[in-house]
PDB file of N, CA and C in Angstrom:
ATOM      1  N   MET A   1     199.854-155.226 153.768  1.00  0.00           N
ATOM      2  CA  MET A   1     198.511-154.815 153.850  1.00  0.00           C
ATOM      3  C   MET A   1     198.170-153.983 154.953  1.00  0.00           C
ATOM      4  N   ASN A   2     198.877-154.341 156.223  1.00  0.00           N
ATOM      5  CA  ASN A   2     198.684-153.924 157.632  1.00  0.00           C
ATOM      6  C   ASN A   2     199.384-152.421 157.663  1.00  0.00           C
ATOM      7  N   VAL A   3     200.406-152.480 156.807  1.00  0.00           N
ATOM      8  CA  VAL A   3     201.211-150.867 156.943  1.00  0.00           C
ATOM      9  C   VAL A   3     200.205-149.954 156.290  1.00  0.00           C
ATOM     10  N   TYR A   4     199.758-150.526 154.986  1.00  0.00           N
ATOM     11  CA  TYR A   4     198.714-149.464 154.352  1.00  0.00           C
ATOM     12  C   TYR A   4     197.597-149.013 154.976  1.00  0.00           C
ATOM     13  N   LEU A   5     197.141-149.996 155.780  1.00  0.00           N
ATOM     14  CA  LEU A   5     195.648-149.959 156.590  1.00  0.00           C
ATOM     15  C   LEU A   5     196.070-148.763 157.427  1.00  0.00           C
ATOM     16  N   SER A   6     197.251-149.132 158.306  1.00  0.00           N
ATOM     17  CA  SER A   6     197.610-148.149 159.409  1.00  0.00           C
ATOM     18  C   SER A   6     197.991-146.849 158.747  1.00  0.00           C
ATOM     19  N   LEU A   7     198.541-146.650 157.583  1.00  0.00           N
ATOM     20  CA  LEU A   7     198.838-145.283 157.067  1.00  0.00           C
ATOM     21  C   LEU A   7     197.469-144.651 156.671  1.00  0.00           C
ATOM     22  N   VAL A   8     196.571-145.425 156.207  1.00  0.00           N
ATOM     23  CA  VAL A   8     195.267-144.682 155.550  1.00  0.00           C
ATOM     24  C   VAL A   8     194.647-144.295 157.018  1.00  0.00           C
ATOM     25  N   ARG A   9     194.443-145.171 157.869  1.00  0.00           N
ATOM     26  CA  ARG A   9     193.687-144.899 159.220  1.00  0.00           C
ATOM     27  C   ARG A   9     194.347-143.680 160.130  1.00  0.00           C
ATOM     28  N   THR A  10     195.559-143.371 159.852  1.00  0.00           N
ATOM     29  CA  THR A  10     196.514-142.383 160.450  1.00  0.00           C
ATOM     30  C   THR A  10     196.176-141.121 159.452  1.00  0.00           C
ATOM     31  N   GLY A  11     196.242-141.401 158.290  1.00  0.00           N
ATOM     32  CA  GLY A  11     196.251-140.112 157.301  1.00  0.00           C
ATOM     33  C   GLY A  11     194.959-139.367 157.213  1.00  0.00           C
ATOM     34  N   VAL A  12     193.803-140.311 157.314  1.00  0.00           N
ATOM     35  CA  VAL A  12     192.382-139.772 157.248  1.00  0.00           C
ATOM     36  C   VAL A  12     192.175-138.572 158.436  1.00  0.00           C
ATOM     37  N   PRO A  13     192.546-139.112 159.558  1.00  0.00           N
ATOM     38  CA  PRO A  13     192.232-138.151 160.760  1.00  0.00           C
ATOM     39  C   PRO A  13     193.169-136.940 160.770  1.00  0.00           C
ATOM     40  N   ALA A  14     194.277-136.885 160.229  1.00  0.00           N
ATOM     41  CA  ALA A  14     195.312-135.839 159.958  1.00  0.00           C
ATOM     42  C   ALA A  14     194.771-134.973 159.040  1.00  0.00           C
ATOM     43  N   LEU A  15     194.174-135.513 157.805  1.00  0.00           N
ATOM     44  CA  LEU A  15     193.417-134.599 156.726  1.00  0.00           C
ATOM     45  C   LEU A  15     192.201-133.897 157.565  1.00  0.00           C
ATOM     46  N   VAL A  16     191.372-134.638 158.342  1.00  0.00           N
ATOM     47  CA  VAL A  16     190.369-134.095 158.842  1.00  0.00           C
ATOM     48  C   VAL A  16     190.961-132.837 159.644  1.00  0.00           C
ATOM     49  N   GLY A  17     191.715-133.160 160.725  1.00  0.00           N
ATOM     50  CA  GLY A  17     192.169-132.254 161.422  1.00  0.00           C
ATOM     51  C   GLY A  17     192.555-130.922 160.724  1.00  0.00           C
ATOM     52  N   TRP A  18     193.447-130.872 159.540  1.00  0.00           N
ATOM     53  CA  TRP A  18     193.939-130.017 158.810  1.00  0.00           C
ATOM     54  C   TRP A  18     192.705-129.214 158.163  1.00  0.00           C
ATOM     55  N   LEU A  19     191.536-129.941 157.730  1.00  0.00           N
ATOM     56  CA  LEU A  19     190.476-129.260 157.362  1.00  0.00           C
ATOM     57  C   LEU A  19     189.896-128.402 158.362  1.00  0.00           C
ATOM     58  N   VAL A  20     189.609-128.900 159.589  1.00  0.00           N
ATOM     59  CA  VAL A  20     189.194-128.340 160.493  1.00  0.00           C
ATOM     60  C   VAL A  20     189.737-127.021 161.060  1.00  0.00           C
ATOM     61  N   ALA A  21     191.446-127.228 160.930  1.00  0.00           N
ATOM     62  CA  ALA A  21     192.016-126.096 161.289  1.00  0.00           C
ATOM     63  C   ALA A  21     192.006-125.141 160.290  1.00  0.00           C
ATOM     64  N   LEU A  22     191.755-125.595 159.034  1.00  0.00           N
ATOM     65  CA  LEU A  22     191.627-124.483 157.872  1.00  0.00           C
ATOM     66  C   LEU A  22     190.473-123.740 158.072  1.00  0.00           C
ATOM     67  N   ALA A  23     189.225-124.584 158.371  1.00  0.00           N
ATOM     68  CA  ALA A  23     187.935-123.692 158.677  1.00  0.00           C
ATOM     69  C   ALA A  23     187.846-122.874 159.739  1.00  0.00           C
ATOM     70  N   GLY A  24     188.474-123.490 160.762  1.00  0.00           N
ATOM     71  CA  GLY A  24     188.633-122.415 161.965  1.00  0.00           C
ATOM     72  C   GLY A  24     189.488-121.137 161.655  1.00  0.00           C
ATOM     73  N   ARG A  25     190.197-121.253 160.825  1.00  0.00           N
ATOM     74  CA  ARG A  25     191.168-120.141 160.429  1.00  0.00           C
ATOM     75  C   ARG A  25     190.460-118.816 160.083  1.00  0.00           C
ATOM     76  N   TYR A  26     189.233-119.219 159.270  1.00  0.00           N
ATOM     77  CA  TYR A  26     188.272-118.140 158.815  1.00  0.00           C
ATOM     78  C   TYR A  26     187.093-117.993 159.581  1.00  0.00           C
ATOM     79  N   GLY A  27     186.684-118.720 160.496  1.00  0.00           N
ATOM     80  CA  GLY A  27     185.630-118.618 161.433  1.00  0.00           C
ATOM     81  C   GLY A  27     186.283-118.045 162.892  1.00  0.00           C
ATOM     82  N   LEU A  28     187.207-117.963 163.220  1.00  0.00           N
ATOM     83  CA  LEU A  28     187.772-117.369 164.365  1.00  0.00           C
ATOM     84  C   LEU A  28     188.681-116.395 164.131  1.00  0.00           C
ATOM     85  N   ASP A  29     188.920-115.533 165.303  1.00  0.00           N
ATOM     86  CA  ASP A  29     189.985-114.633 165.090  1.00  0.00           C
ATOM     87  C   ASP A  29     191.077-114.880 165.736  1.00  0.00           C
ATOM     88  N   LEU A  30     191.874-115.748 165.176  1.00  0.00           N
ATOM     89  CA  LEU A  30     193.079-116.242 165.927  1.00  0.00           C
ATOM     90  C   LEU A  30     194.181-116.251 164.964  1.00  0.00           C
ATOM     91  N   ASP A  31     195.706-116.258 165.475  1.00  0.00           N
ATOM     92  CA  ASP A  31     196.744-116.146 164.600  1.00  0.00           C
ATOM     93  C   ASP A  31     196.727-117.338 163.909  1.00  0.00           C
ATOM     94  N   PRO A  32     196.853-117.346 162.429  1.00  0.00           N
ATOM     95  CA  PRO A  32     197.047-118.592 161.643  1.00  0.00           C
ATOM     96  C   PRO A  32     197.938-119.541 162.132  1.00  0.00           C
ATOM     97  N   GLY A  33     199.000-119.251 162.513  1.00  0.00           N
ATOM     98  CA  GLY A  33     199.959-120.092 163.099  1.00  0.00           C
ATOM     99  C   GLY A  33     199.542-120.926 164.322  1.00  0.00           C
ATOM    100  N   ALA A  34     198.960-120.129 165.108  1.00  0.00           N
ATOM    101  CA  ALA A  34     198.441-120.915 166.402  1.00  0.00           C
ATOM    102  C   ALA A  34     197.451-122.016 165.863  1.00  0.00           C
ATOM    103  N   VAL A  35     196.498-121.675 164.925  1.00  0.00           N
ATOM    104  CA  VAL A  35     195.448-122.451 164.542  1.00  0.00           C
ATOM    105  C   VAL A  35     196.243-123.682 164.023  1.00  0.00           C
ATOM    106  N   ALA A  36     197.127-123.482 163.038  1.00  0.00           N
ATOM    107  CA  ALA A  36     197.880-124.881 162.402  1.00  0.00           C
ATOM    108  C   ALA A  36     198.555-125.613 163.351  1.00  0.00           C
ATOM    109  N   ASP A  37     199.328-124.792 164.228  1.00  0.00           N
ATOM    110  CA  ASP A  37     200.208-125.368 165.160  1.00  0.00           C
ATOM    111  C   ASP A  37     199.463-126.245 166.445  1.00  0.00           C
ATOM    112  N   VAL A  38     198.236-125.876 166.697  1.00  0.00           N
ATOM    113  CA  VAL A  38     197.352-126.421 167.718  1.00  0.00           C
ATOM    114  C   VAL A  38     196.005-127.080 167.473  1.00  0.00           C
ATOM    115  N   LEU A  39     195.343-126.335 166.830  1.00  0.00           N
ATOM    116  CA  LEU A  39     194.078-126.907 166.331  1.00  0.00           C
ATOM    117  C   LEU A  39     194.120-128.102 165.510  1.00  0.00           C
ATOM    118  N   ALA A  40     194.961-128.560 164.380  1.00  0.00           N
ATOM    119  CA  ALA A  40     195.042-129.624 163.688  1.00  0.00           C
ATOM    120  C   ALA A  40     195.431-130.589 164.159  1.00  0.00           C
ATOM    121  N   PRO A  41     196.238-130.778 164.873  1.00  0.00           N
ATOM    122  CA  PRO A  41     196.681-132.056 165.630  1.00  0.00           C
ATOM    123  C   PRO A  41     195.463-132.594 166.620  1.00  0.00           C
ATOM    124  N   VAL A  42     195.122-131.417 167.343  1.00  0.00           N
ATOM    125  CA  VAL A  42     194.041-131.621 168.502  1.00  0.00           C
ATOM    126  C   VAL A  42     192.819-132.159 167.642  1.00  0.00           C
ATOM    127  N   ALA A  43     192.456-131.584 166.545  1.00  0.00           N
ATOM    128  CA  ALA A  43     191.039-131.969 165.901  1.00  0.00           C
ATOM    129  C   ALA A  43     191.331-133.314 165.502  1.00  0.00           C
ATOM    130  N   GLY A  44     192.549-133.697 164.608  1.00  0.00           N
ATOM    131  CA  GLY A  44     192.667-135.058 164.263  1.00  0.00           C
ATOM    132  C   GLY A  44     192.483-136.124 165.144  1.00  0.00           C
ATOM    133  N   PHE A  45     193.147-135.783 166.337  1.00  0.00           N
ATOM    134  CA  PHE A  45     193.509-136.817 167.392  1.00  0.00           C
ATOM    135  C   PHE A  45     191.788-137.055 168.143  1.00  0.00           C
ATOM    136  N   LEU A  46     191.035-135.978 168.125  1.00  0.00           N
ATOM    137  CA  LEU A  46     189.889-136.011 168.784  1.00  0.00           C
ATOM    138  C   LEU A  46     188.891-136.733 167.673  1.00  0.00           C
ATOM    139  N   TYR A  47     189.105-136.708 166.168  1.00  0.00           N
ATOM    140  CA  TYR A  47     188.389-137.196 165.259  1.00  0.00           C
ATOM    141  C   TYR A  47     188.703-138.661 165.280  1.00  0.00           C
ATOM    142  N   TYR A  48     189.860-139.023 165.556  1.00  0.00           N
ATOM    143  CA  TYR A  48     190.197-140.492 165.235  1.00  0.00           C
ATOM    144  C   TYR A  48     189.893-141.358 166.791  1.00  0.00           C
ATOM    145  N   ALA A  49     189.937-140.505 167.825  1.00  0.00           N
ATOM    146  CA  ALA A  49     189.522-141.192 169.239  1.00  0.00           C
ATOM    147  C   ALA A  49     188.005-141.404 169.018  1.00  0.00           C
ATOM    148  N   LEU A  50     187.141-140.153 168.703  1.00  0.00           N
ATOM    149  CA  LEU A  50     185.785-140.582 168.627  1.00  0.00           C
ATOM    150  C   LEU A  50     185.321-141.682 167.648  1.00  0.00           C
ATOM    151  N   PHE A  51     185.807-141.896 166.548  1.00  0.00           N
ATOM    152  CA  PHE A  51     185.488-142.578 165.452  1.00  0.00           C
ATOM    153  C   PHE A  51     186.089-144.424 165.915  1.00  0.00           C
ATOM    154  N   ARG A  52     187.293-144.408 166.552  1.00  0.00           N
ATOM    155  CA  ARG A  52     187.931-145.548 167.036  1.00  0.00           C
ATOM    156  C   ARG A  52     187.007-146.228 168.223  1.00  0.00           C
ATOM    157  N   PHE A  53     186.640-145.201 169.147  1.00  0.00           N
ATOM    158  CA  PHE A  53     185.622-145.708 170.197  1.00  0.00           C
ATOM    159  C   PHE A  53     184.120-146.062 169.422  1.00  0.00           C
ATOM    160  N   ALA A  54     183.885-145.522 168.759  1.00  0.00           N
ATOM    161  CA  ALA A  54     182.751-145.676 167.979  1.00  0.00           C
ATOM    162  C   ALA A  54     182.832-147.150 167.260  1.00  0.00           C
ATOM    163  N   GLU A  55     183.766-147.320 166.769  1.00  0.00           N
ATOM    164  CA  GLU A  55     184.009-148.889 165.829  1.00  0.00           C
ATOM    165  C   GLU A  55     184.016-149.676 166.866  1.00  0.00           C
ATOM    166  N   GLU A  56     184.803-149.532 168.001  1.00  0.00           N
ATOM    167  CA  GLU A  56     184.735-150.578 168.986  1.00  0.00           C
ATOM    168  C   GLU A  56     183.618-150.930 169.874  1.00  0.00           C
ATOM    169  N   ARG A  57     182.765-150.101 169.987  1.00  0.00           N
ATOM    170  CA  ARG A  57     181.591-150.171 171.226  1.00  0.00           C
ATOM    171  C   ARG A  57     180.268-150.032 170.599  1.00  0.00           C
ATOM    172  N   ILE A  58     180.168-149.405 169.295  1.00  0.00           N
ATOM    173  CA  ILE A  58     178.989-149.288 168.519  1.00  0.00           C
ATOM    174  C   ILE A  58     178.842-150.209 167.537  1.00  0.00           C
ATOM    175  N   SER A  59     179.672-150.083 166.435  1.00  0.00           N
ATOM    176  CA  SER A  59     179.570-150.687 165.348  1.00  0.00           C
ATOM    177  C   SER A  59     180.799-150.585 164.547  1.00  0.00           C
ATOM    178  N   PRO A  60     181.319-151.803 164.003  1.00  0.00           N
ATOM    179  CA  PRO A  60     182.721-151.645 163.118  1.00  0.00           C
ATOM    180  C   PRO A  60     182.385-150.919 161.894  1.00  0.00           C
ATOM    181  N   LYS A  61     181.338-150.467 161.476  1.00  0.00           N
ATOM    182  CA  LYS A  61     181.082-149.787 160.232  1.00  0.00           C
ATOM    183  C   LYS A  61     181.750-148.246 160.514  1.00  0.00           C
ATOM    184  N   PHE A  62     181.916-147.860 161.681  1.00  0.00           N
ATOM    185  CA  PHE A  62     182.144-146.706 162.090  1.00  0.00           C
ATOM    186  C   PHE A  62     183.873-146.381 161.614  1.00  0.00           C
ATOM    187  N   GLY A  63     184.546-147.623 161.380  1.00  0.00           N
ATOM    188  CA  GLY A  63     185.893-147.406 160.710  1.00  0.00           C
ATOM    189  C   GLY A  63     186.064-146.894 159.553  1.00  0.00           C
ATOM    190  N   TRP A  64     184.814-146.989 158.567  1.00  0.00           N
ATOM    191  CA  TRP A  64     185.127-146.327 157.228  1.00  0.00           C
ATOM    192  C   TRP A  64     185.355-144.921 157.273  1.00  0.00           C
ATOM    193  N   LEU A  65     184.987-144.301 158.445  1.00  0.00           N
ATOM    194  CA  LEU A  65     185.269-142.853 158.664  1.00  0.00           C
ATOM    195  C   LEU A  65     186.730-142.670 159.074  1.00  0.00           C
ATOM    196  N   LEU A  66     187.448-143.570 159.399  1.00  0.00           N
ATOM    197  CA  LEU A  66     188.835-143.676 159.811  1.00  0.00           C
ATOM    198  C   LEU A  66     189.612-144.010 158.065  1.00  0.00           C
ATOM    199  N   GLY A  67     188.724-144.324 157.109  1.00  0.00           N
ATOM    200  CA  GLY A  67     189.483-144.689 155.832  1.00  0.00           C
ATOM    201  C   GLY A  67     189.359-146.164 155.433  1.00  0.00           C
ATOM    202  N   TYR A  68     189.098-147.194 156.270  1.00  0.00           N
ATOM    203  CA  TYR A  68     188.882-148.744 156.314  1.00  0.00           C
ATOM    204  C   TYR A  68     188.215-148.936 157.261  1.00  0.00           C
ATOM    205  N   ALA A  69     187.385-150.061 157.088  1.00  0.00           N
ATOM    206  CA  ALA A  69     186.298-150.511 157.768  1.00  0.00           C
ATOM    207  C   ALA A  69     186.870-151.101 159.172  1.00  0.00           C
ATOM    208  N   ARG A  70     188.068-151.625 159.074  1.00  0.00           N
ATOM    209  CA  ARG A  70     188.594-152.467 160.191  1.00  0.00           C
ATOM    210  C   ARG A  70     190.258-152.045 160.390  1.00  0.00           C
ATOM    211  N   PRO A  71     190.515-152.000 161.803  1.00  0.00           N
ATOM    212  CA  PRO A  71     191.939-151.749 162.172  1.00  0.00           C
ATOM    213  C   PRO A  71     192.857-152.884 161.525  1.00  0.00           C
ATOM    214  N   PRO A  72     194.174-152.618 161.421  1.00  0.00           N
ATOM    215  CA  PRO A  72     195.065-153.833 160.883  1.00  0.00           C
ATOM    216  C   PRO A  72     195.320-154.429 161.853  1.00  0.00           C
ATOM    217  N   GLN A  73     195.446-155.930 161.659  1.00  0.00           N
ATOM    218  CA  GLN A  73     195.578-156.968 162.511  1.00  0.00           C
ATOM    219  C   GLN A  73     197.170-157.418 162.504  1.00  0.00           C
ATOM    220  N   TYR A  74     197.994-157.347 163.599  1.00  0.00           N
ATOM    221  CA  TYR A  74     199.116-157.580 163.704  1.00  0.00           C
ATOM    222  C   TYR A  74     199.300-158.966 164.273  1.00  0.00           C
ATOM    223  N   GLU A  75     200.271-159.692 163.800  1.00  0.00           N
ATOM    224  CA  GLU A  75     200.683-161.123 164.518  1.00  0.00           C
ATOM    225  C   GLU A  75     201.306-160.707 165.659  1.00  0.00           C
ATOM    226  N   ALA A  76     200.908-161.744 166.679  1.00  0.00           N
ATOM    227  CA  ALA A  76     201.403-161.431 168.140  1.00  0.00           C
ATOM    228  C   ALA A  76     202.856-162.178 167.891  1.00  0.00           C
ATOM    229  N   GLY A  77     203.853-161.452 168.679  1.00  0.00           N
ATOM    230  CA  GLY A  77     205.285-161.875 168.673  1.00  0.00           C
ATOM    231  C   GLY A  77     206.201-161.024 169.339  1.00  0.00           C
ATOM    232  N   LYS A  78     207.604-161.435 169.632  1.00  0.00           N
ATOM    233  CA  LYS A  78     208.313-160.447 170.265  1.00  0.00           C
ATOM    234  C   LYS A  78     208.877-159.544 169.042  1.00  0.00           C
ATOM    235  N   ALA A  79     209.070-158.244 169.126  1.00  0.00           N
ATOM    236  CA  ALA A  79     209.556-157.267 168.361  1.00  0.00           C
ATOM    237  C   ALA A  79     211.235-157.274 168.917  1.00  0.00           C
ATOM    238  N   THR A  80     212.208-157.155 167.872  1.00  0.00           N
ATOM    239  CA  THR A  80     213.395-157.248 168.354  1.00  0.00           C
ATOM    240  C   THR A  80     214.156-155.987 167.473  1.00  0.00           C
ATOM    241  N   LEU A  81     214.907-155.401 168.164  1.00  0.00           N
ATOM    242  CA  LEU A  81     215.556-154.351 167.636  1.00  0.00           C
ATOM    243  C   LEU A  81     216.794-154.941 166.628  1.00  0.00           C
ATOM    244  N   PRO A  82     217.205-154.360 165.364  1.00  0.00           N
ATOM    245  CA  PRO A  82     218.123-154.723 164.608  1.00  0.00           C
ATOM    246  C   PRO A  82     219.615-154.658 165.584  1.00  0.00           C
ATOM    247  N   GLY A  83     220.173-155.708 165.491  1.00  0.00           N
ATOM    248  CA  GLY A  83     221.581-155.940 165.954  1.00  0.00           C
ATOM    249  C   GLY A  83     221.520-156.132 167.464  1.00  0.00           C
ATOM    250  N   VAL A  84     220.394-156.472 168.034  1.00  0.00           N
ATOM    251  CA  VAL A  84     220.233-156.872 169.317  1.00  0.00           C
ATOM    252  C   VAL A  84     220.120-158.192 169.312  1.00  0.00           C
ATOM    253  N   HIS A  85     220.591-159.024 170.066  1.00  0.00           N
ATOM    254  CA  HIS A  85     220.291-160.736 170.079  1.00  0.00           C
ATOM    255  C   HIS A  85     219.935-160.911 171.283  1.00  0.00           C
TER     256      HIS A  85
END
């Protein structure tokens, strides 16, 4: 379930970034390649950062704007690389 939540909470800001870039392409006189290459990831990052901050500092309800109301919870422990003992 944690993997699913992390994918949803990553995918929603990526989708928002893509939509902002798509809208920016029509509202700004920019090269379409520049819009897609720069604006989409920046907008997605800012969207995620804004609502992650709001989720932590204001109310957990802001998590819904990231696709799910709470961040994934991971078990504490040491991570090991395959083949390394």
